């Protein structure tokens, strides 16, 4: 696969995922998801939180970043792990 076509494939896949409204940790907890695991980076600014739901056959993972140089300072990205 050529690098140009790889970029297009990634761009299309990212665009399809961006069409859905982003999930938040608060929404996941309100929908019955439970924390299954947690880890933090060596710099203590980023972490990963793994969620499970007894009614779903997949997991959700949220990556969080706290950066005082950005506005908003906290950034959360949640996605499905199948």
C-alpha atoms as a PDB file:
ATOM      1  CA  UNK A   1       0.000   0.000   0.000  1.00  0.00           C
ATOM      2  CA  UNK A   2       1.399   3.401  -0.923  1.00  0.00           C
ATOM      3  CA  UNK A   3       1.747   6.084   1.752  1.00  0.00           C
ATOM      4  CA  UNK A   4      -0.778   8.359  -0.004  1.00  0.00           C
ATOM      5  CA  UNK A   5      -3.493   5.711  -0.027  1.00  0.00           C
ATOM      6  CA  UNK A   6      -2.770   4.864   3.596  1.00  0.00           C
ATOM      7  CA  UNK A   7      -3.347   8.527   4.507  1.00  0.00           C
ATOM      8  CA  UNK A   8      -6.663   8.550   2.622  1.00  0.00           C
ATOM      9  CA  UNK A   9      -7.767   5.367   4.396  1.00  0.00           C
ATOM     10  CA  UNK A  10      -6.949   6.841   7.802  1.00  0.00           C
ATOM     11  CA  UNK A  11      -8.656  10.125   6.898  1.00  0.00           C
ATOM     12  CA  UNK A  12     -11.855   8.352   5.807  1.00  0.00           C
ATOM     13  CA  UNK A  13     -11.920   6.164   8.923  1.00  0.00           C
ATOM     14  CA  UNK A  14     -11.378   9.184  11.159  1.00  0.00           C
ATOM     15  CA  UNK A  15     -14.080  11.166   9.383  1.00  0.00           C
ATOM     16  CA  UNK A  16     -16.599   8.367   9.829  1.00  0.00           C
ATOM     17  CA  UNK A  17     -15.877   8.216  13.549  1.00  0.00           C
ATOM     18  CA  UNK A  18     -16.139  11.992  13.859  1.00  0.00           C
ATOM     19  CA  UNK A  19     -19.736  11.909  12.574  1.00  0.00           C
ATOM     20  CA  UNK A  20     -20.911  10.422  15.877  1.00  0.00           C
ATOM     21  CA  UNK A  21     -21.155  12.714  18.905  1.00  0.00           C
ATOM     22  CA  UNK A  22     -18.215  12.126  21.252  1.00  0.00           C
ATOM     23  CA  UNK A  23     -18.875  10.193  24.443  1.00  0.00           C
ATOM     24  CA  UNK A  24     -17.850  11.603  27.789  1.00  0.00           C
ATOM     25  CA  UNK A  25     -16.882   9.773  30.959  1.00  0.00           C
ATOM     26  CA  UNK A  26     -19.956  11.183  32.692  1.00  0.00           C
ATOM     27  CA  UNK A  27     -22.237   9.822  29.943  1.00  0.00           C
ATOM     28  CA  UNK A  28     -20.636   6.386  30.150  1.00  0.00           C
ATOM     29  CA  UNK A  29     -21.136   6.217  33.918  1.00  0.00           C
ATOM     30  CA  UNK A  30     -24.756   7.360  33.568  1.00  0.00           C
ATOM     31  CA  UNK A  31     -25.345   4.623  30.956  1.00  0.00           C
ATOM     32  CA  UNK A  32     -24.238   1.900  33.382  1.00  0.00           C
ATOM     33  CA  UNK A  33     -20.591   1.504  32.366  1.00  0.00           C
ATOM     34  CA  UNK A  34     -18.191   0.546  35.175  1.00  0.00           C
ATOM     35  CA  UNK A  35     -14.479   1.244  35.446  1.00  0.00           C
ATOM     36  CA  UNK A  36     -12.596  -1.965  34.626  1.00  0.00           C
ATOM     37  CA  UNK A  37      -9.056  -0.592  34.698  1.00  0.00           C
ATOM     38  CA  UNK A  38      -6.939   2.525  34.889  1.00  0.00           C
ATOM     39  CA  UNK A  39      -3.387   3.486  34.018  1.00  0.00           C
ATOM     40  CA  UNK A  40      -1.457   6.722  33.908  1.00  0.00           C
ATOM     41  CA  UNK A  41       1.469   7.914  31.850  1.00  0.00           C
ATOM     42  CA  UNK A  42       4.894   8.573  33.269  1.00  0.00           C
ATOM     43  CA  UNK A  43       4.321  12.331  33.075  1.00  0.00           C
ATOM     44  CA  UNK A  44       1.081  12.174  35.141  1.00  0.00           C
ATOM     45  CA  UNK A  45      -0.690  14.423  32.586  1.00  0.00           C
ATOM     46  CA  UNK A  46      -2.366  11.606  30.671  1.00  0.00           C
ATOM     47  CA  UNK A  47      -4.256   8.470  31.609  1.00  0.00           C
ATOM     48  CA  UNK A  48      -6.350   5.678  30.121  1.00  0.00           C
ATOM     49  CA  UNK A  49      -9.580   4.470  31.704  1.00  0.00           C
ATOM     50  CA  UNK A  50     -11.145   1.185  30.585  1.00  0.00           C
ATOM     51  CA  UNK A  51     -14.904   0.687  31.012  1.00  0.00           C
ATOM     52  CA  UNK A  52     -17.065  -2.443  30.843  1.00  0.00           C
ATOM     53  CA  UNK A  53     -20.804  -2.898  30.641  1.00  0.00           C
ATOM     54  CA  UNK A  54     -22.440  -6.254  31.381  1.00  0.00           C
ATOM     55  CA  UNK A  55     -24.939  -5.666  28.547  1.00  0.00           C
ATOM     56  CA  UNK A  56     -22.352  -4.871  25.852  1.00  0.00           C
ATOM     57  CA  UNK A  57     -19.937  -7.301  24.116  1.00  0.00           C
ATOM     58  CA  UNK A  58     -17.182  -4.670  23.853  1.00  0.00           C
ATOM     59  CA  UNK A  59     -15.199  -2.324  26.087  1.00  0.00           C
ATOM     60  CA  UNK A  60     -14.903   1.454  26.038  1.00  0.00           C
ATOM     61  CA  UNK A  61     -11.603   3.216  26.556  1.00  0.00           C
ATOM     62  CA  UNK A  62     -11.151   6.885  27.381  1.00  0.00           C
ATOM     63  CA  UNK A  63      -7.857   8.673  27.086  1.00  0.00           C
ATOM     64  CA  UNK A  64      -7.553  11.822  29.139  1.00  0.00           C
ATOM     65  CA  UNK A  65      -5.012  14.625  28.986  1.00  0.00           C
ATOM     66  CA  UNK A  66      -4.584  17.600  31.274  1.00  0.00           C
ATOM     67  CA  UNK A  67      -2.436  20.392  29.867  1.00  0.00           C
ATOM     68  CA  UNK A  68      -2.235  23.818  31.512  1.00  0.00           C
ATOM     69  CA  UNK A  69      -1.033  25.388  28.251  1.00  0.00           C
ATOM     70  CA  UNK A  70      -4.278  24.562  26.395  1.00  0.00           C
ATOM     71  CA  UNK A  71      -7.787  25.872  26.617  1.00  0.00           C
ATOM     72  CA  UNK A  72      -9.791  23.858  27.635  1.00  0.00           C
ATOM     73  CA  UNK A  73      -7.156  22.284  29.867  1.00  0.00           C
ATOM     74  CA  UNK A  74      -8.744  18.834  30.041  1.00  0.00           C
ATOM     75  CA  UNK A  75      -9.186  16.739  26.905  1.00  0.00           C
ATOM     76  CA  UNK A  76     -11.072  13.416  26.825  1.00  0.00           C
ATOM     77  CA  UNK A  77     -11.366  10.995  23.917  1.00  0.00           C
ATOM     78  CA  UNK A  78     -13.558   7.878  24.343  1.00  0.00           C
ATOM     79  CA  UNK A  79     -13.801   5.054  21.823  1.00  0.00           C
ATOM     80  CA  UNK A  80     -14.964   1.455  21.535  1.00  0.00           C
ATOM     81  CA  UNK A  81     -12.596  -1.507  21.752  1.00  0.00           C
ATOM     82  CA  UNK A  82     -13.947  -4.486  19.852  1.00  0.00           C
END
